[in-house]
Every structure is written in structure tokens, then in C-alpha cells.
Protein backbone atom coordinates (compact mmCIF):
# COMPACT_ATOMS: atom_id res chain seq x y z
CA MET A 1 0.00 0.00 0.00
CA LYS A 2 1.50 3.31 -1.06
CA PRO A 3 1.63 6.14 1.51
CA ALA A 4 -0.72 9.05 0.95
CA VAL A 5 0.85 12.13 -0.58
CA ILE A 6 -0.37 15.61 0.28
CA LEU A 7 0.15 18.12 -2.50
CA PRO A 8 0.20 21.73 -1.26
CA ARG A 9 -2.32 24.00 -2.93
CA ALA A 10 -0.54 27.32 -3.22
CA LEU A 11 -3.54 29.24 -4.54
CA ASP A 12 -5.76 28.15 -1.66
CA ARG A 13 -3.08 29.06 0.86
CA LYS A 14 -2.71 32.48 -0.75
CA ALA A 15 -6.48 32.99 -0.66
CA ILE A 16 -6.58 32.21 3.08
CA ASN A 17 -3.68 34.57 3.79
CA GLN A 18 -5.31 37.38 1.86
CA ALA A 19 -8.70 36.82 3.49
CA VAL A 20 -7.70 36.80 7.16
CA ARG A 21 -4.11 38.01 7.65
CA ALA A 22 -3.67 35.33 10.30
CA GLU A 23 0.11 35.05 9.66
CA ILE A 24 -0.23 31.28 9.27
CA ASN A 25 3.03 31.10 7.30
CA LEU A 26 4.96 32.13 10.45
CA CYS A 27 3.96 29.02 12.42
CA TYR A 28 6.89 26.79 13.40
CA THR A 29 4.78 24.20 15.26
CA CYS A 30 5.88 25.04 18.81
CA GLY A 31 2.50 23.85 20.14
CA SER A 32 1.82 26.82 22.45
CA CYS A 33 -1.65 27.23 20.96
CA ALA A 34 -2.61 23.61 21.62
CA ILE A 35 -1.45 23.85 25.24
CA GLU A 36 -3.30 27.12 25.83
CA CYS A 37 -6.62 26.12 24.23
CA PRO A 38 -9.16 25.34 27.00
CA VAL A 39 -11.16 23.00 24.75
CA ASN A 40 -8.07 21.05 23.76
CA ARG A 41 -6.88 20.78 27.36
CA ALA A 42 -10.22 19.33 28.38
CA THR A 43 -10.93 17.10 25.38
CA ASN A 44 -7.79 16.71 23.24
CA ARG A 45 -10.11 17.36 20.28
CA LEU A 46 -9.11 20.84 19.08
CA HIS A 47 -5.52 21.30 17.87
CA PRO A 48 -5.03 24.83 16.49
CA ARG A 49 -1.52 23.96 15.30
CA THR A 50 -2.83 21.15 13.08
CA LEU A 51 -5.48 23.40 11.57
CA VAL A 52 -2.93 26.15 10.90
CA TRP A 53 -0.70 23.71 9.05
CA MET A 54 -3.56 22.32 7.03
CA ALA A 55 -4.26 25.92 6.01
CA ASN A 56 -0.57 26.34 5.15
CA LEU A 57 -0.93 23.39 2.79
CA GLY A 58 -4.01 24.95 1.23
CA LEU A 59 -6.35 22.17 2.38
CA THR A 60 -9.37 24.44 2.52
CA ASP A 61 -12.00 21.87 1.53
CA GLU A 62 -10.74 19.41 4.13
CA LEU A 63 -10.73 22.10 6.82
CA LEU A 64 -14.29 23.18 6.09
CA SER A 65 -15.55 19.62 6.55
CA LEU A 66 -13.90 19.19 9.96
CA PRO A 67 -16.10 19.47 13.08
CA ASP A 68 -13.07 20.89 14.90
CA ILE A 69 -13.63 24.42 13.60
CA TRP A 70 -16.94 24.50 15.50
CA PHE A 71 -15.48 23.31 18.81
CA CYS A 72 -13.73 26.67 19.25
CA LEU A 73 -15.02 29.00 22.00
CA ALA A 74 -13.64 32.06 20.18
CA CYS A 75 -11.60 32.96 23.26
CA ARG A 76 -8.46 33.76 21.21
CA ARG A 77 -6.10 32.37 23.85
CA CYS A 78 -4.28 30.54 21.05
CA SER A 79 -3.63 33.85 19.29
CA HIS A 80 -2.52 35.65 22.45
CA VAL A 81 0.03 33.00 23.38
CA CYS A 82 1.67 32.55 19.97
CA PRO A 83 5.30 33.78 19.99
CA MET A 84 5.16 34.27 16.21
CA THR A 85 1.91 36.33 16.21
CA VAL A 86 0.03 33.62 14.32
CA LYS A 87 -3.72 34.05 14.87
CA PRO A 88 -5.38 30.62 14.83
CA ALA A 89 -8.62 32.04 16.23
CA MET A 90 -8.91 34.40 13.27
CA LEU A 91 -8.31 31.49 10.90
CA LEU A 92 -11.03 29.41 12.56
CA ALA A 93 -13.51 32.28 12.41
CA HIS A 94 -12.81 32.61 8.69
CA LEU A 95 -13.25 28.87 8.15
CA ARG A 96 -16.60 28.90 9.95
CA TRP A 97 -17.75 31.79 7.79
CA GLU A 98 -16.58 29.98 4.64
CA ALA A 99 -18.37 26.79 5.72
CA VAL A 100 -21.62 28.75 5.91
CA ARG A 101 -20.98 30.67 2.68
CA ARG A 102 -20.21 27.52 0.69
CA GLY A 103 -23.13 25.57 2.10
CA VAL A 104 -21.01 23.02 3.99
CA VAL A 105 -23.38 23.60 6.91
CA PRO A 106 -27.03 24.63 6.47
CA PRO A 107 -28.01 28.29 6.98
CA PRO A 108 -29.76 27.67 10.35
CA PHE A 109 -26.65 26.03 11.80
CA PRO A 110 -24.76 29.17 13.02
CA ALA A 111 -27.73 30.29 15.14
CA ARG A 112 -28.05 26.82 16.68
CA TRP A 113 -24.30 26.72 17.28
CA ARG A 114 -24.51 30.05 19.08
CA GLU A 115 -27.32 28.67 21.23
CA LEU A 116 -24.97 25.84 22.20
CA GLN A 117 -22.32 28.37 23.22
CA VAL A 118 -24.84 30.30 25.31
CA GLY A 119 -26.10 27.07 26.88
CA LEU A 120 -22.57 26.01 27.81
CA HIS A 121 -21.99 29.07 29.97
CA GLU A 122 -25.46 28.87 31.49
CA GLU A 123 -24.66 25.28 32.46
CA ARG A 124 -21.30 26.35 33.90
CA TYR A 125 -23.03 29.02 36.00
CA ARG A 126 -25.57 26.55 37.40
CA ALA A 127 -22.89 23.93 38.09
CA PHE A 128 -20.70 26.36 40.00
CA SER A 129 -23.69 27.65 41.98
CA ARG A 130 -24.58 24.11 43.06
CA LEU A 131 -21.00 23.38 44.11
CA LEU A 132 -20.80 26.65 46.05
CA GLU A 133 -24.04 25.91 47.90
CA LYS A 134 -22.59 22.58 49.05
CA GLU A 135 -19.34 24.29 50.07
CA GLU A 136 -21.17 26.91 52.13
CA SER A 137 -23.49 24.40 53.78
CA GLY A 138 -20.47 22.44 54.98
CA LYS A 139 -18.85 25.43 56.64
CA GLY A 140 -21.52 26.27 59.18
CA ASP A 141 -22.00 29.75 60.62
CA GLY A 142 -18.53 30.02 62.13
CA THR A 143 -16.66 30.49 58.88
CA ALA A 144 -18.61 33.42 57.44
CA MET A 145 -16.46 35.82 55.50
CA ASP A 146 -15.62 39.13 57.14
CA ASP A 147 -15.85 42.31 55.10
CA PRO A 148 -12.36 43.37 54.01
CA ALA A 149 -10.84 46.11 56.17
CA ILE A 150 -9.24 47.66 53.08
CA PRO A 151 -11.66 48.70 50.31
CA LEU A 152 -11.99 46.00 47.69
CA TRP A 153 -11.09 48.34 44.84
CA LYS A 154 -7.71 49.00 46.45
CA LYS A 155 -7.01 45.29 46.78
CA ALA A 156 -8.04 44.71 43.18
CA SER A 157 -5.85 47.54 41.87
CA VAL A 158 -2.70 45.39 41.90
CA PHE A 159 -2.10 41.73 41.04
CA ASP A 160 1.33 40.23 41.73
CA GLY A 161 2.95 43.64 41.41
CA TYR A 162 1.14 44.55 38.17
CA ARG A 163 -1.26 47.49 38.17
CA THR A 164 -4.72 46.59 36.93
CA ASN A 165 -5.82 50.21 36.28
CA LEU A 166 -9.22 49.29 37.71
CA THR A 167 -10.04 52.86 38.74
CA SER A 168 -9.70 54.02 35.11
CA CYS A 169 -12.91 52.15 34.19
CA PHE A 170 -15.74 54.48 33.17
CA ALA A 171 -18.25 51.78 32.25
CA CYS A 172 -18.08 52.13 28.46
CA GLY A 173 -18.82 48.42 27.98
CA GLU A 174 -16.00 47.60 25.55
CA CYS A 175 -15.02 44.65 27.73
CA SER A 176 -18.51 43.14 27.63
CA SER A 177 -18.71 43.50 23.86
CA ALA A 178 -15.37 41.71 23.39
CA CYS A 179 -15.91 38.91 25.92
CA PRO A 180 -16.66 35.47 24.39
CA VAL A 181 -18.40 34.35 27.60
CA CYS A 182 -20.70 37.39 27.86
CA HIS A 183 -23.72 36.06 25.97
CA ASP A 184 -26.22 36.68 28.78
CA ARG A 185 -25.20 39.58 31.01
CA LYS A 186 -27.31 38.27 33.88
CA ILE A 187 -24.93 35.30 34.03
CA PHE A 188 -21.58 36.84 33.18
CA ASP A 189 -20.65 40.43 32.45
CA PRO A 190 -17.06 41.60 32.98
CA LEU A 191 -18.20 45.21 33.30
CA HIS A 192 -20.51 44.26 36.16
CA LEU A 193 -17.61 42.57 37.96
CA PHE A 194 -15.35 45.59 37.54
CA ARG A 195 -18.00 48.10 38.67
CA SER A 196 -18.87 45.86 41.61
CA ALA A 197 -15.20 45.79 42.62
CA LEU A 198 -15.23 49.59 42.59
CA LEU A 199 -18.62 50.29 44.11
CA GLY A 200 -20.39 47.10 45.17
CA ASP A 201 -20.65 44.82 48.18
CA PRO A 202 -17.39 42.84 48.61
CA ARG A 203 -19.16 39.84 50.10
CA SER A 204 -21.60 39.33 47.24
CA LEU A 205 -18.88 39.86 44.63
CA LEU A 206 -16.44 37.34 46.08
CA GLU A 207 -19.25 34.81 46.42
CA SER A 208 -20.43 35.31 42.83
CA PRO A 209 -20.20 32.29 40.50
CA ALA A 210 -19.48 34.75 37.67
CA LEU A 211 -15.91 35.18 38.92
CA TRP A 212 -15.16 31.61 37.93
CA LEU A 213 -16.83 31.62 34.50
CA CYS A 214 -14.04 33.81 33.08
CA ILE A 215 -11.74 31.78 30.81
CA GLN A 216 -8.83 34.25 31.13
CA CYS A 217 -8.68 35.00 27.42
CA GLN A 218 -7.66 38.66 27.98
CA SER A 219 -10.20 39.89 25.43
CA CYS A 220 -11.51 42.46 27.92
CA SER A 221 -7.99 43.80 28.52
CA GLU A 222 -7.23 43.91 24.80
CA ALA A 223 -10.44 45.81 24.06
CA CYS A 224 -10.25 48.39 26.85
CA SER A 225 -9.34 51.87 25.61
CA GLN A 226 -8.56 52.91 29.20
CA LYS A 227 -5.99 50.11 29.62
CA VAL A 228 -7.92 48.40 32.41
CA ARG A 229 -6.41 44.92 32.71
CA GLY A 230 -9.64 43.15 33.35
CA HIS A 231 -8.29 39.61 33.33
CA LEU A 232 -5.88 40.57 36.13
CA VAL A 233 -8.71 42.16 38.12
CA ILE A 234 -10.61 38.87 37.96
CA ARG A 235 -7.53 36.85 38.91
CA ARG A 236 -7.03 39.13 41.92
CA LEU A 237 -10.67 38.77 42.95
CA ARG A 238 -10.39 34.99 42.68
CA ARG A 239 -7.34 35.01 44.91
CA LEU A 240 -9.16 37.19 47.43
CA ALA A 241 -12.06 34.71 47.40
CA GLU A 242 -9.59 31.97 48.34
CA GLU A 243 -7.89 34.09 51.00
CA GLU A 244 -11.24 35.03 52.54
CA GLY A 245 -12.28 31.38 52.69
CA VAL A 246 -15.14 31.68 50.20
CA VAL A 247 -13.67 28.77 48.23
CA SER A 248 -11.07 26.17 49.16
CA ALA A 249 -8.36 24.47 47.12
CA GLY A 250 -10.36 21.23 47.19
CA PHE A 251 -13.46 23.03 45.97
CA LEU A 252 -11.55 24.60 43.07
CA GLU A 253 -10.21 21.19 42.03
CA GLN A 254 -13.79 19.87 41.97
CA TRP A 255 -14.80 22.84 39.82
CA ARG A 256 -11.88 22.30 37.45
CA ARG A 257 -12.87 18.67 36.88
CA GLN A 258 -16.53 19.52 36.42
CA ASP A 259 -15.71 22.35 34.03
CA GLN A 260 -13.66 19.93 31.92
CA ARG A 261 -16.55 17.46 31.82
CA MET A 262 -18.87 20.20 30.59
CA LEU A 263 -16.45 21.05 27.78
CA VAL A 264 -16.33 17.37 26.79
CA ASP A 265 -20.14 17.34 26.69
CA HIS A 266 -20.15 20.58 24.70
CA VAL A 267 -17.92 19.05 22.03
CA ALA A 268 -20.18 15.99 21.85
CA ARG A 269 -23.28 18.18 21.47
CA THR A 270 -21.57 20.19 18.72
CA GLU A 271 -20.80 16.99 16.80
CA GLU A 272 -24.38 15.83 17.24
CA LEU A 273 -25.66 19.15 15.89
CA LEU A 274 -23.41 18.85 12.84
CA GLN A 275 -24.80 15.40 12.07
CA ARG A 276 -28.44 16.51 11.97
């Protein structure tokens, strides 16, 4: 049996480069994107590096038929981490658009796919809330969190020596518009978290499940014209929640495992939707 031979399609590669400017030709297969991708870490089913190299070979038709391009959460962590400024997330967005344009998926599919994305984060919110209720019921009344002596906004202004510029926020909403998790603002809204850190009740903020829905993609920080480093604000608030005893290390490990299971289920549901 002769080995399969892949013949690069230069014209298709050129068309992709011109369409998205994703710098795919700069990829040297370091694998940073695959390590950073939350879906790949949970499922081993989404390898941005592989998709980038298929695009480099001009395998457009093959890429459009892959379910992998629909597993993406559009968090852009793969693009942020790339040392060569390759933008796999931009490539995947282009491939999804092309799949719709060419009729690889039916016209109603994108709306149903978006509903799946919304449902994933609703499920994550409910799951964390249930875990937190169990955690709080096991503590009893003696471990209630005390209100911080120092205002919360001051504590959230610095994370590991880096200024978060939290006080520069003037509630423009750029962060919410850029956030891939912010589908339903009642469930997760980065702007609400930042304004609550500045003006709200510390207890209710540190006990909010929304703190743990963030996938640390840095989209809020990238979008902010006032240079508020929103992802660092959320990391600082998470650390404060641990320090104040709102959540424990064991609790967070339970959440990590459950979050991974939900991503596995999300990939399975996406495949099922594609097969309809």
C-alpha cells in the first residue's frame, strides 16, 4: 500500500492569507496554541496547530468539513500566546464563515451553534452555583467571611505587582462586547464585575459564580481603551475569594474537573448538531 501524498495547494493558501491576515506562514509548530486552548486541554479534540498547518498546505475543503472548527469557544487564547503572532482564532472564524458561505453547513446552523455556546456558559453558571451551595453548607455559621478592612477596589488595583488600572474604568462596555463568555449579562458580564469591585458589596462579589466563569482569554484587557487589565482584576478577585475562605483548594479542584466534563459534553453536542 502506497503512503498518501499531500500536495500543497498554493492558490488556496494564498487565498486564506489574503482573506484573514492570520500570519499562518509564520507558524513553526511550537505547540503553544494547543497547550493554551481550553477545549483542547479538556478534550484533546481541538488542535489549532494542526489546523494552521492544514491551512498552510491549502487544504481548505478538508478544513471546512472538519467538526473541529466548530469546537472553538472564540476565546483567542491561542492567538494571544503565539510567539510568532500567528492568529489561529482568526483562521477558525474565517473557516466557519466559509463553511456557511459555501453551504457546507445549512443556513440555520450558526444560530443553533450560538445557542450551544450560550447554553454552555449557562450550564457552567448553574454547576458552580450548586457546588458553592454545598461548600457553604459544609462550613456552618462560624466560617462566614468578614468584610475586608481595606476597600476591595484597592485590593483589586494590583495583582502580583502589576497594576490593573481598575479605577480608570468608566463603564463604556468595551469589555462586555469583546468577551466570548458574555452572551447573557445576567450570568456573566465583565463590566458588572469591575464596577462591583469599585462600588459594590465585597461579600456578594467574592461569592459570585461569575468570577469563575471567566476563561482568562484577555479579550476584555485587549479591548479596553482605558488600559484596564480586566483579566488581572478577575484573577485578583479569585485570589481574594480563596484568602477570605469563600472557596477552598479542594473546591476549586472539583470545579476544574466539572468544568472539563462540561467542555467534553459541549464538544459531543456540537458533533451531534453537525450530524443533523
